[in-house]
Amino acid sequence: MIRTNTRRASTAALALVIGVAVVLGSFAASARSATKSSPTIVIGTKNFGEEYILGELYRQALEAKGFTVSYKENIGSTEIIQTALTSGKINFYPEYTGVIVQDVFHHALSAKSAAGTFALAKSLEAAKGYTLLNPTPFFDTDAIAVTNATAKKYGLTTIVDLKKVSGLTLGGFPEFKTRNTGLVGLEKQYGLTGVSFVPLAGISAYAALDAGKVLAADVFSTDPPLGKGSKYTVLTDPKHLFGFQNVAPIVKSSVAKAAGATFATTVNAVSATLTQEAIVAMNKAVLVDKQAPAAVAKAFLKANGLI
């Protein structure tokens, strides 16, 4: 998604978010409230808009069920937020299943299906004392995008086609350079060589593409600019380098146990509503229409009977 952090609100996109809600009104009536002995849930998020939305969704739903929540937004990349998790500064955060497998546990590739990737991620986390709650229906993978004009000029349809381009410049977050789901994987799995990597800071991948600062860029598949009528071409990933990236909240196992069944029920109920259509609409509300993530999350949860 576009990696910006904007906070102003408008009403039009709230209506859009409500329009894609899946009403689950029975959940609110059936779930029990948290007990006074429940531990504090310390939620962290990574450093981009979709994560801010996810963090607010889980925070507000848990608070509505009586849980005490401490919320720490915009901690940083996977590498940084993992340190926060293992050091105990947080005990919960939403992560992408393929990222767990490939970037947290350093497997070269994920499993060959979404279900297989989740199962592997769950077992890897369990061995280290963490519980992976249910995955979302939506997925959000890294992807390599170029402008439509660039795709036409070089005949680009798949990542392997980038080998045709001499002096290729590729933009992305700084950590993309050293990840298996990044430049390392592109070199190993697709044989790309001589790539000039441009770390992007303070500018979106799309702005960099538009300005000609890079020829290709790492983007996210749920980014609003990639919708219908897009001026960008996403190159296909036949080797599944970027894996299967459904979101699954990671929580310290001792905290999940102490929080009780209502905790998992609440989190899983939120995750179950997060279809591809819903997350794209919420991303647009925050990243294009400049709404606050908290307002977008609140509207969606209310429409789904989760608060």
C-alpha atoms as a PDB file:
ATOM      1  CA  MET A   1       0.000   0.000   0.000  1.00  0.00           C
ATOM      2  CA  ILE A   2       1.042   3.627  -0.267  1.00  0.00           C
ATOM      3  CA  ARG A   3       3.344   4.118   2.695  1.00  0.00           C
ATOM      4  CA  THR A   4       2.084   7.355   4.158  1.00  0.00           C
ATOM      5  CA  ASN A   5       0.479   8.258   7.456  1.00  0.00           C
ATOM      6  CA  THR A   6      -2.389  10.696   6.997  1.00  0.00           C
ATOM      7  CA  ARG A   7      -4.967  11.564   9.620  1.00  0.00           C
ATOM      8  CA  ARG A   8      -7.718  13.848   8.306  1.00  0.00           C
ATOM      9  CA  ALA A   9     -11.230  12.415   8.109  1.00  0.00           C
ATOM     10  CA  SER A  10     -14.072  12.706   5.589  1.00  0.00           C
ATOM     11  CA  THR A  11     -17.472  11.031   5.478  1.00  0.00           C
ATOM     12  CA  ALA A  12     -17.547   9.740   1.911  1.00  0.00           C
ATOM     13  CA  ALA A  13     -15.059   6.936   2.410  1.00  0.00           C
ATOM     14  CA  LEU A  14     -16.715   5.885   5.666  1.00  0.00           C
ATOM     15  CA  ALA A  15     -19.799   5.112   3.622  1.00  0.00           C
ATOM     16  CA  LEU A  16     -17.637   3.063   1.279  1.00  0.00           C
ATOM     17  CA  VAL A  17     -16.211   1.064   4.167  1.00  0.00           C
ATOM     18  CA  ILE A  18     -19.657   0.435   5.633  1.00  0.00           C
ATOM     19  CA  GLY A  19     -20.824  -0.627   2.194  1.00  0.00           C
ATOM     20  CA  VAL A  20     -18.451  -3.604   2.150  1.00  0.00           C
ATOM     21  CA  ALA A  21     -19.238  -4.729   5.695  1.00  0.00           C
ATOM     22  CA  VAL A  22     -20.427  -8.266   6.394  1.00  0.00           C
ATOM     23  CA  VAL A  23     -22.893  -8.032   9.239  1.00  0.00           C
ATOM     24  CA  LEU A  24     -22.127 -10.395  12.103  1.00  0.00           C
ATOM     25  CA  GLY A  25     -24.478  -8.975  14.687  1.00  0.00           C
ATOM     26  CA  SER A  26     -24.831 -12.221  16.607  1.00  0.00           C
ATOM     27  CA  PHE A  27     -21.199 -12.069  17.691  1.00  0.00           C
ATOM     28  CA  ALA A  28     -21.679  -9.011  19.865  1.00  0.00           C
ATOM     29  CA  ALA A  29     -24.422 -10.684  21.823  1.00  0.00           C
ATOM     30  CA  SER A  30     -22.755 -14.060  22.235  1.00  0.00           C
ATOM     31  CA  ALA A  31     -19.185 -13.227  23.260  1.00  0.00           C
ATOM     32  CA  ARG A  32     -18.463 -12.870  26.956  1.00  0.00           C
ATOM     33  CA  SER A  33     -16.625  -9.875  28.364  1.00  0.00           C
ATOM     34  CA  ALA A  34     -13.057 -10.053  29.601  1.00  0.00           C
ATOM     35  CA  THR A  35     -12.498 -10.763  33.276  1.00  0.00           C
ATOM     36  CA  LYS A  36     -10.731  -8.342  35.584  1.00  0.00           C
ATOM     37  CA  SER A  37      -7.778 -10.740  35.764  1.00  0.00           C
ATOM     38  CA  SER A  38      -7.164 -10.650  31.995  1.00  0.00           C
ATOM     39  CA  PRO A  39      -3.676  -9.447  31.036  1.00  0.00           C
ATOM     40  CA  THR A  40      -3.058  -6.179  29.221  1.00  0.00           C
ATOM     41  CA  ILE A  41      -2.912  -6.764  25.486  1.00  0.00           C
ATOM     42  CA  VAL A  42      -0.035  -4.669  24.114  1.00  0.00           C
ATOM     43  CA  ILE A  43      -0.687  -4.289  20.380  1.00  0.00           C
ATOM     44  CA  GLY A  44       1.983  -3.045  18.007  1.00  0.00           C
ATOM     45  CA  THR A  45       1.825  -2.292  14.297  1.00  0.00           C
ATOM     46  CA  LYS A  46       4.335  -2.013  11.528  1.00  0.00           C
ATOM     47  CA  ASN A  47       5.048   1.182   9.644  1.00  0.00           C
ATOM     48  CA  PHE A  48       2.410   1.552   6.916  1.00  0.00           C
ATOM     49  CA  GLY A  49      -1.253   2.400   6.492  1.00  0.00           C
ATOM     50  CA  GLU A  50      -2.776  -1.064   6.224  1.00  0.00           C
ATOM     51  CA  GLU A  51      -1.136  -2.018   9.521  1.00  0.00           C
ATOM     52  CA  TYR A  52      -2.559   1.076  11.213  1.00  0.00           C
ATOM     53  CA  ILE A  53      -6.032  -0.009  10.115  1.00  0.00           C
ATOM     54  CA  LEU A  54      -5.503  -3.562  11.346  1.00  0.00           C
ATOM     55  CA  GLY A  55      -4.155  -2.381  14.673  1.00  0.00           C
ATOM     56  CA  GLU A  56      -7.178  -0.157  15.243  1.00  0.00           C
ATOM     57  CA  LEU A  57      -9.602  -2.917  14.282  1.00  0.00           C
ATOM     58  CA  TYR A  58      -8.161  -5.355  16.826  1.00  0.00           C
ATOM     59  CA  ARG A  59      -7.692  -2.679  19.496  1.00  0.00           C
ATOM     60  CA  GLN A  60     -11.228  -1.341  19.350  1.00  0.00           C
ATOM     61  CA  ALA A  61     -12.846  -4.781  19.169  1.00  0.00           C
ATOM     62  CA  LEU A  62     -10.901  -6.012  22.200  1.00  0.00           C
ATOM     63  CA  GLU A  63     -11.623  -2.866  24.202  1.00  0.00           C
ATOM     64  CA  ALA A  64     -15.322  -3.258  23.412  1.00  0.00           C
ATOM     65  CA  LYS A  65     -15.175  -6.689  25.082  1.00  0.00           C
ATOM     66  CA  GLY A  66     -13.618  -5.266  28.219  1.00  0.00           C
ATOM     67  CA  PHE A  67      -9.961  -6.036  27.576  1.00  0.00           C
ATOM     68  CA  THR A  68      -7.305  -3.556  28.635  1.00  0.00           C
ATOM     69  CA  VAL A  69      -5.279  -2.648  25.564  1.00  0.00           C
ATOM     70  CA  SER A  70      -2.077  -0.654  25.200  1.00  0.00           C
ATOM     71  CA  TYR A  71      -1.608   0.427  21.579  1.00  0.00           C
ATOM     72  CA  LYS A  72       1.760   1.191  19.959  1.00  0.00           C
ATOM     73  CA  GLU A  73       1.400   2.229  16.333  1.00  0.00           C
ATOM     74  CA  ASN A  74       4.122   2.573  13.690  1.00  0.00           C
ATOM     75  CA  ILE A  75       6.870   0.622  15.456  1.00  0.00           C
ATOM     76  CA  GLY A  76       8.729  -0.150  12.237  1.00  0.00           C
ATOM     77  CA  SER A  77       9.567  -2.918   9.799  1.00  0.00           C
ATOM     78  CA  THR A  78       9.174  -6.637  10.451  1.00  0.00           C
ATOM     79  CA  GLU A  79      12.725  -6.787  11.760  1.00  0.00           C
ATOM     80  CA  ILE A  80      12.083  -3.978  14.246  1.00  0.00           C
ATOM     81  CA  ILE A  81       8.647  -5.103  15.423  1.00  0.00           C
ATOM     82  CA  GLN A  82       9.908  -8.650  15.908  1.00  0.00           C
ATOM     83  CA  THR A  83      12.495  -7.269  18.323  1.00  0.00           C
ATOM     84  CA  ALA A  84       9.718  -5.433  20.149  1.00  0.00           C
ATOM     85  CA  LEU A  85       7.763  -8.700  20.375  1.00  0.00           C
ATOM     86  CA  THR A  86      10.606 -10.917  21.570  1.00  0.00           C
ATOM     87  CA  SER A  87      11.803  -8.303  24.075  1.00  0.00           C
ATOM     88  CA  GLY A  88       8.323  -8.090  25.608  1.00  0.00           C
ATOM     89  CA  LYS A  89       7.609  -4.465  24.650  1.00  0.00           C
ATOM     90  CA  ILE A  90       4.521  -5.748  22.829  1.00  0.00           C
ATOM     91  CA  ASN A  91       2.725  -9.088  22.999  1.00  0.00           C
ATOM     92  CA  PHE A  92       0.477  -8.912  19.904  1.00  0.00           C
ATOM     93  CA  TYR A  93       0.800  -7.695  16.341  1.00  0.00           C
ATOM     94  CA  PRO A  94      -0.736  -8.474  12.917  1.00  0.00           C
ATOM     95  CA  GLU A  95       1.731 -10.131  10.545  1.00  0.00           C
ATOM     96  CA  TYR A  96       1.642 -11.612   7.047  1.00  0.00           C
ATOM     97  CA  THR A  97       1.991 -15.392   6.983  1.00  0.00           C
ATOM     98  CA  GLY A  98       4.545 -15.578   4.188  1.00  0.00           C
ATOM     99  CA  VAL A  99       6.633 -12.903   5.890  1.00  0.00           C
ATOM    100  CA  ILE A 100       6.705 -15.072   9.015  1.00  0.00           C
ATOM    101  CA  VAL A 101       7.996 -18.034   7.036  1.00  0.00           C
ATOM    102  CA  GLN A 102      10.454 -16.215   4.779  1.00  0.00           C
ATOM    103  CA  ASP A 103      11.608 -13.139   6.674  1.00  0.00           C
ATOM    104  CA  VAL A 104      11.186 -14.050  10.346  1.00  0.00           C
ATOM    105  CA  PHE A 105      12.303 -17.681  10.039  1.00  0.00           C
ATOM    106  CA  HIS A 106      14.385 -17.206   6.868  1.00  0.00           C
ATOM    107  CA  HIS A 107      12.954 -19.940   4.654  1.00  0.00           C
ATOM    108  CA  ALA A 108      13.853 -19.252   1.029  1.00  0.00           C
ATOM    109  CA  LEU A 109      10.267 -19.838  -0.114  1.00  0.00           C
ATOM    110  CA  SER A 110       6.881 -20.286   1.546  1.00  0.00           C
ATOM    111  CA  ALA A 111       4.680 -23.367   1.242  1.00  0.00           C
ATOM    112  CA  LYS A 112       2.830 -23.789  -2.057  1.00  0.00           C
ATOM    113  CA  SER A 113      -0.607 -22.731  -0.793  1.00  0.00           C
ATOM    114  CA  ALA A 114      -2.143 -20.191   1.563  1.00  0.00           C
ATOM    115  CA  ALA A 115      -3.254 -22.942   3.951  1.00  0.00           C
ATOM    116  CA  GLY A 116       0.166 -24.566   3.884  1.00  0.00           C
ATOM    117  CA  THR A 117       1.892 -21.258   4.538  1.00  0.00           C
ATOM    118  CA  PHE A 118      -0.359 -20.550   7.526  1.00  0.00           C
ATOM    119  CA  ALA A 119       0.180 -24.044   8.954  1.00  0.00           C
ATOM    120  CA  LEU A 120       3.948 -23.707   8.652  1.00  0.00           C
ATOM    121  CA  ALA A 121       3.961 -20.222  10.144  1.00  0.00           C
ATOM    122  CA  LYS A 122       1.772 -21.406  13.032  1.00  0.00           C
ATOM    123  CA  SER A 123       4.081 -24.306  13.859  1.00  0.00           C
ATOM    124  CA  LEU A 124       7.206 -22.139  13.639  1.00  0.00           C
ATOM    125  CA  GLU A 125       5.725 -19.522  15.984  1.00  0.00           C
ATOM    126  CA  ALA A 126       4.417 -22.147  18.424  1.00  0.00           C
ATOM    127  CA  ALA A 127       7.916 -23.587  18.844  1.00  0.00           C
ATOM    128  CA  LYS A 128       9.056 -20.161  20.074  1.00  0.00           C
ATOM    129  CA  GLY A 129       6.159 -19.556  22.450  1.00  0.00           C
ATOM    130  CA  TYR A 130       3.781 -17.589  20.263  1.00  0.00           C
ATOM    131  CA  THR A 131       0.253 -18.337  19.078  1.00  0.00           C
ATOM    132  CA  LEU A 132      -0.891 -17.520  15.571  1.00  0.00           C
ATOM    133  CA  LEU A 133      -4.609 -16.739  15.507  1.00  0.00           C
ATOM    134  CA  ASN A 134      -6.846 -17.296  12.471  1.00  0.00           C
ATOM    135  CA  PRO A 135      -5.789 -15.779   9.131  1.00  0.00           C
ATOM    136  CA  THR A 136      -7.807 -13.183   7.257  1.00  0.00           C
ATOM    137  CA  PRO A 137      -9.579 -14.039   3.990  1.00  0.00           C
ATOM    138  CA  PHE A 138      -7.668 -11.199   2.308  1.00  0.00           C
ATOM    139  CA  PHE A 139      -4.030 -11.432   1.330  1.00  0.00           C
ATOM    140  CA  ASP A 140      -1.553  -8.678   0.587  1.00  0.00           C
ATOM    141  CA  THR A 141       1.646  -9.677  -1.143  1.00  0.00           C
ATOM    142  CA  ASP A 142       4.650  -7.677  -2.188  1.00  0.00           C
ATOM    143  CA  ALA A 143       4.693  -7.223  -5.937  1.00  0.00           C
ATOM    144  CA  ILE A 144       6.907  -5.611  -8.537  1.00  0.00           C
ATOM    145  CA  ALA A 145       5.199  -2.844 -10.491  1.00  0.00           C
ATOM    146  CA  VAL A 146       6.190  -0.679 -13.437  1.00  0.00           C
ATOM    147  CA  THR A 147       4.285   1.987 -15.295  1.00  0.00           C
ATOM    148  CA  ASN A 148       2.185   0.793 -18.209  1.00  0.00           C
ATOM    149  CA  ALA A 149       4.471   2.771 -20.514  1.00  0.00           C
ATOM    150  CA  THR A 150       7.547   0.952 -19.171  1.00  0.00           C
ATOM    151  CA  ALA A 151       5.822  -2.431 -19.512  1.00  0.00           C
ATOM    152  CA  LYS A 152       4.997  -1.673 -23.140  1.00  0.00           C
ATOM    153  CA  LYS A 153       8.468  -0.325 -23.941  1.00  0.00           C
ATOM    154  CA  TYR A 154      10.326  -3.401 -22.671  1.00  0.00           C
ATOM    155  CA  GLY A 155       7.638  -6.062 -23.135  1.00  0.00           C
ATOM    156  CA  LEU A 156       7.322  -6.743 -19.410  1.00  0.00           C
ATOM    157  CA  THR A 157       4.630  -9.088 -18.092  1.00  0.00           C
ATOM    158  CA  THR A 158       6.496 -11.238 -15.565  1.00  0.00           C
ATOM    159  CA  ILE A 159       9.351 -10.664 -13.120  1.00  0.00           C
ATOM    160  CA  VAL A 160      11.709 -12.756 -15.228  1.00  0.00           C
ATOM    161  CA  ASP A 161      11.221 -10.245 -18.058  1.00  0.00           C
ATOM    162  CA  LEU A 162      13.192  -7.709 -16.014  1.00  0.00           C
ATOM    163  CA  LYS A 163      16.315  -9.543 -17.173  1.00  0.00           C
ATOM    164  CA  LYS A 164      15.733  -7.784 -20.512  1.00  0.00           C
ATOM    165  CA  VAL A 165      16.336  -4.391 -18.900  1.00  0.00           C
ATOM    166  CA  SER A 166      19.908  -3.127 -18.755  1.00  0.00           C
ATOM    167  CA  GLY A 167      20.704  -0.880 -15.799  1.00  0.00           C
ATOM    168  CA  LEU A 168      17.512  -1.760 -13.944  1.00  0.00           C
ATOM    169  CA  THR A 169      16.655   0.570 -11.035  1.00  0.00           C
ATOM    170  CA  LEU A 170      14.372  -0.900  -8.385  1.00  0.00           C
ATOM    171  CA  GLY A 171      12.844   1.060  -5.511  1.00  0.00           C
ATOM    172  CA  GLY A 172      11.529  -0.155  -2.174  1.00  0.00           C
ATOM    173  CA  PHE A 173      11.727   0.135   1.587  1.00  0.00           C
ATOM    174  CA  PRO A 174      15.367  -0.123   2.757  1.00  0.00           C
ATOM    175  CA  GLU A 175      14.774  -3.593   4.261  1.00  0.00           C
ATOM    176  CA  PHE A 176      13.649  -4.917   0.861  1.00  0.00           C
ATOM    177  CA  LYS A 177      17.316  -5.049  -0.163  1.00  0.00           C
ATOM    178  CA  THR A 178      18.208  -7.821   2.311  1.00  0.00           C
ATOM    179  CA  ARG A 179      15.048  -9.953   2.384  1.00  0.00           C
ATOM    180  CA  ASN A 180      14.214 -13.301   0.825  1.00  0.00           C
ATOM    181  CA  THR A 181      10.942 -11.618  -0.126  1.00  0.00           C
ATOM    182  CA  GLY A 182      12.992  -8.854  -1.690  1.00  0.00           C
ATOM    183  CA  LEU A 183      16.128  -8.266  -3.719  1.00  0.00           C
ATOM    184  CA  VAL A 184      17.881 -11.344  -2.297  1.00  0.00           C
ATOM    185  CA  GLY A 185      15.037 -13.538  -3.530  1.00  0.00           C
ATOM    186  CA  LEU A 186      14.872 -11.776  -6.891  1.00  0.00           C
ATOM    187  CA  GLU A 187      18.539 -12.544  -7.425  1.00  0.00           C
ATOM    188  CA  LYS A 188      18.340 -16.165  -6.229  1.00  0.00           C
ATOM    189  CA  GLN A 189      15.007 -17.207  -7.693  1.00  0.00           C
ATOM    190  CA  TYR A 190      14.892 -15.109 -10.873  1.00  0.00           C
ATOM    191  CA  GLY A 191      18.567 -14.611 -11.615  1.00  0.00           C
ATOM    192  CA  LEU A 192      18.353 -10.828 -11.726  1.00  0.00           C
ATOM    193  CA  THR A 193      21.813  -9.264 -11.715  1.00  0.00           C
ATOM    194  CA  GLY A 194      23.188  -5.754 -11.833  1.00  0.00           C
ATOM    195  CA  VAL A 195      20.104  -4.267 -10.161  1.00  0.00           C
ATOM    196  CA  SER A 196      20.586  -0.772  -8.763  1.00  0.00           C
ATOM    197  CA  PHE A 197      18.458  -0.670  -5.599  1.00  0.00           C
ATOM    198  CA  VAL A 198      17.024   2.693  -4.556  1.00  0.00           C
ATOM    199  CA  PRO A 199      15.807   2.854  -0.921  1.00  0.00           C
ATOM    200  CA  LEU A 200      12.634   4.922  -0.774  1.00  0.00           C
ATOM    201  CA  ALA A 201      12.102   7.258   2.153  1.00  0.00           C
ATOM    202  CA  GLY A 202       9.620  10.108   2.224  1.00  0.00           C
ATOM    203  CA  ILE A 203       8.250   9.219  -1.220  1.00  0.00           C
ATOM    204  CA  SER A 204       5.798   6.526  -2.249  1.00  0.00           C
ATOM    205  CA  ALA A 205       6.756   3.818  -4.715  1.00  0.00           C
ATOM    206  CA  TYR A 206       4.214   5.241  -7.152  1.00  0.00           C
ATOM    207  CA  ALA A 207       5.611   8.765  -6.927  1.00  0.00           C
ATOM    208  CA  ALA A 208       9.070   7.345  -7.591  1.00  0.00           C
ATOM    209  CA  LEU A 209       7.789   5.478 -10.646  1.00  0.00           C
ATOM    210  CA  ASP A 210       5.917   8.527 -11.939  1.00  0.00           C
ATOM    211  CA  ALA A 211       8.971  10.765 -11.514  1.00  0.00           C
ATOM    212  CA  GLY A 212      11.271   8.277 -13.228  1.00  0.00           C
ATOM    213  CA  LYS A 213      13.427   7.882 -10.132  1.00  0.00           C
ATOM    214  CA  VAL A 214      13.118   4.112 -10.537  1.00  0.00           C
ATOM    215  CA  LEU A 215      12.022   1.876 -13.393  1.00  0.00           C
ATOM    216  CA  ALA A 216      10.404  -0.740 -11.137  1.00  0.00           C
ATOM    217  CA  ALA A 217       9.252  -0.696  -7.535  1.00  0.00           C
ATOM    218  CA  ASP A 218       8.150  -2.945  -4.714  1.00  0.00           C
ATOM    219  CA  VAL A 219       4.445  -2.348  -4.029  1.00  0.00           C
ATOM    220  CA  PHE A 220       1.649  -4.118  -2.149  1.00  0.00           C
ATOM    221  CA  SER A 221      -1.178  -5.931  -3.915  1.00  0.00           C
ATOM    222  CA  THR A 222      -3.889  -4.113  -1.928  1.00  0.00           C
ATOM    223  CA  ASP A 223      -2.608  -0.642  -2.860  1.00  0.00           C
ATOM    224  CA  PRO A 224      -5.437   1.617  -4.101  1.00  0.00           C
ATOM    225  CA  PRO A 225      -3.452   2.781  -7.186  1.00  0.00           C
ATOM    226  CA  LEU A 226      -3.529  -0.782  -8.529  1.00  0.00           C
ATOM    227  CA  GLY A 227      -7.307  -0.829  -8.907  1.00  0.00           C
ATOM    228  CA  LYS A 228      -9.422  -0.711 -12.054  1.00  0.00           C
ATOM    229  CA  GLY A 229      -7.959   1.526 -14.746  1.00  0.00           C
ATOM    230  CA  SER A 230      -4.534   1.597 -13.091  1.00  0.00           C
ATOM    231  CA  LYS A 231      -1.617   3.236 -14.899  1.00  0.00           C
ATOM    232  CA  TYR A 232       0.690   0.598 -13.430  1.00  0.00           C
ATOM    233  CA  THR A 233       1.431  -2.979 -14.475  1.00  0.00           C
ATOM    234  CA  VAL A 234       2.062  -5.593 -11.779  1.00  0.00           C
ATOM    235  CA  LEU A 235       4.513  -8.214 -13.015  1.00  0.00           C
ATOM    236  CA  THR A 236       3.447 -11.794 -12.357  1.00  0.00           C
ATOM    237  CA  ASP A 237       5.465 -13.904  -9.908  1.00  0.00           C
ATOM    238  CA  PRO A 238       5.485 -17.455 -11.382  1.00  0.00           C
ATOM    239  CA  LYS A 239       7.971 -18.758  -8.809  1.00  0.00           C
ATOM    240  CA  HIS A 240       5.796 -17.449  -5.930  1.00  0.00           C
ATOM    241  CA  LEU A 241       8.768 -15.590  -4.490  1.00  0.00           C
ATOM    242  CA  PHE A 242       6.484 -13.313  -2.512  1.00  0.00           C
ATOM    243  CA  GLY A 243       4.522 -16.224  -1.097  1.00  0.00           C
ATOM    244  CA  PHE A 244       1.014 -16.242   0.336  1.00  0.00           C
ATOM    245  CA  GLN A 245       0.413 -13.274   2.579  1.00  0.00           C
ATOM    246  CA  ASN A 246      -2.793 -13.529   4.556  1.00  0.00           C
ATOM    247  CA  VAL A 247      -2.714 -11.649   7.857  1.00  0.00           C
ATOM    248  CA  ALA A 248      -2.615 -13.614  11.112  1.00  0.00           C
ATOM    249  CA  PRO A 249      -2.196 -11.924  14.505  1.00  0.00           C
ATOM    250  CA  ILE A 250       0.770 -13.156  16.545  1.00  0.00           C
ATOM    251  CA  VAL A 251       0.290 -13.193  20.324  1.00  0.00           C
ATOM    252  CA  LYS A 252       2.532 -14.448  23.087  1.00  0.00           C
ATOM    253  CA  SER A 253       1.107 -17.861  24.025  1.00  0.00           C
ATOM    254  CA  SER A 254       1.073 -17.198  27.761  1.00  0.00           C
ATOM    255  CA  VAL A 255      -0.905 -13.994  27.162  1.00  0.00           C
ATOM    256  CA  ALA A 256      -3.401 -15.760  24.865  1.00  0.00           C
ATOM    257  CA  LYS A 257      -3.935 -18.465  27.493  1.00  0.00           C
ATOM    258  CA  ALA A 258      -4.369 -15.985  30.328  1.00  0.00           C
ATOM    259  CA  ALA A 259      -6.761 -13.835  28.276  1.00  0.00           C
ATOM    260  CA  GLY A 260      -9.125 -16.778  27.788  1.00  0.00           C
ATOM    261  CA  ALA A 261     -11.402 -17.971  25.028  1.00  0.00           C
ATOM    262  CA  THR A 262     -13.137 -14.623  24.562  1.00  0.00           C
ATOM    263  CA  PHE A 263      -9.845 -13.055  23.510  1.00  0.00           C
ATOM    264  CA  ALA A 264      -9.304 -15.458  20.602  1.00  0.00           C
ATOM    265  CA  THR A 265     -12.991 -15.363  19.671  1.00  0.00           C
ATOM    266  CA  THR A 266     -12.922 -11.579  19.470  1.00  0.00           C
ATOM    267  CA  VAL A 267      -9.767 -11.380  17.382  1.00  0.00           C
ATOM    268  CA  ASN A 268     -10.850 -14.182  15.049  1.00  0.00           C
ATOM    269  CA  ALA A 269     -14.250 -12.561  14.510  1.00  0.00           C
ATOM    270  CA  VAL A 270     -12.547  -9.384  13.312  1.00  0.00           C
ATOM    271  CA  SER A 271     -10.190 -11.296  11.032  1.00  0.00           C
ATOM    272  CA  ALA A 272     -13.065 -13.247   9.480  1.00  0.00           C
ATOM    273  CA  THR A 273     -14.655 -10.035   8.130  1.00  0.00           C
ATOM    274  CA  LEU A 274     -11.531  -8.831   6.355  1.00  0.00           C
ATOM    275  CA  THR A 275     -12.164  -9.713   2.740  1.00  0.00           C
ATOM    276  CA  GLN A 276     -10.095  -8.370  -0.138  1.00  0.00           C
ATOM    277  CA  GLU A 277     -12.851  -5.904  -0.999  1.00  0.00           C
ATOM    278  CA  ALA A 278     -13.071  -4.663   2.580  1.00  0.00           C
ATOM    279  CA  ILE A 279      -9.356  -4.048   3.092  1.00  0.00           C
ATOM    280  CA  VAL A 280      -8.960  -2.307  -0.263  1.00  0.00           C
ATOM    281  CA  ALA A 281     -11.879  -0.015   0.609  1.00  0.00           C
ATOM    282  CA  MET A 282     -10.383   0.793   4.009  1.00  0.00           C
ATOM    283  CA  ASN A 283      -6.946   1.379   2.504  1.00  0.00           C
ATOM    284  CA  LYS A 284      -8.511   3.824   0.067  1.00  0.00           C
ATOM    285  CA  ALA A 285     -10.348   5.589   2.879  1.00  0.00           C
ATOM    286  CA  VAL A 286      -7.128   6.121   4.816  1.00  0.00           C
ATOM    287  CA  LEU A 287      -4.512   6.515   2.108  1.00  0.00           C
ATOM    288  CA  VAL A 288      -6.426   8.308  -0.630  1.00  0.00           C
ATOM    289  CA  ASP A 289      -9.333  10.015   1.141  1.00  0.00           C
ATOM    290  CA  LYS A 290      -7.163  10.977   4.125  1.00  0.00           C
ATOM    291  CA  GLN A 291      -9.292   9.543   6.916  1.00  0.00           C
ATOM    292  CA  ALA A 292      -7.962   8.602  10.335  1.00  0.00           C
ATOM    293  CA  PRO A 293      -7.440   4.829  10.691  1.00  0.00           C
ATOM    294  CA  ALA A 294      -9.301   4.889  14.020  1.00  0.00           C
ATOM    295  CA  ALA A 295     -12.412   6.378  12.382  1.00  0.00           C
ATOM    296  CA  VAL A 296     -12.316   3.937   9.486  1.00  0.00           C
ATOM    297  CA  ALA A 297     -11.909   0.962  11.829  1.00  0.00           C
ATOM    298  CA  LYS A 298     -14.734   2.154  14.085  1.00  0.00           C
ATOM    299  CA  ALA A 299     -17.167   2.513  11.174  1.00  0.00           C
ATOM    300  CA  PHE A 300     -16.293  -0.952   9.863  1.00  0.00           C
ATOM    301  CA  LEU A 301     -16.583  -2.646  13.252  1.00  0.00           C
ATOM    302  CA  LYS A 302     -19.937  -0.999  13.953  1.00  0.00           C
ATOM    303  CA  ALA A 303     -21.276  -2.027  10.551  1.00  0.00           C
ATOM    304  CA  ASN A 304     -20.234  -5.620  11.290  1.00  0.00           C
ATOM    305  CA  GLY A 305     -21.742  -5.679  14.780  1.00  0.00           C
ATOM    306  CA  LEU A 306     -18.322  -6.133  16.392  1.00  0.00           C
ATOM    307  CA  ILE A 307     -18.537  -3.126  18.705  1.00  0.00           C
END
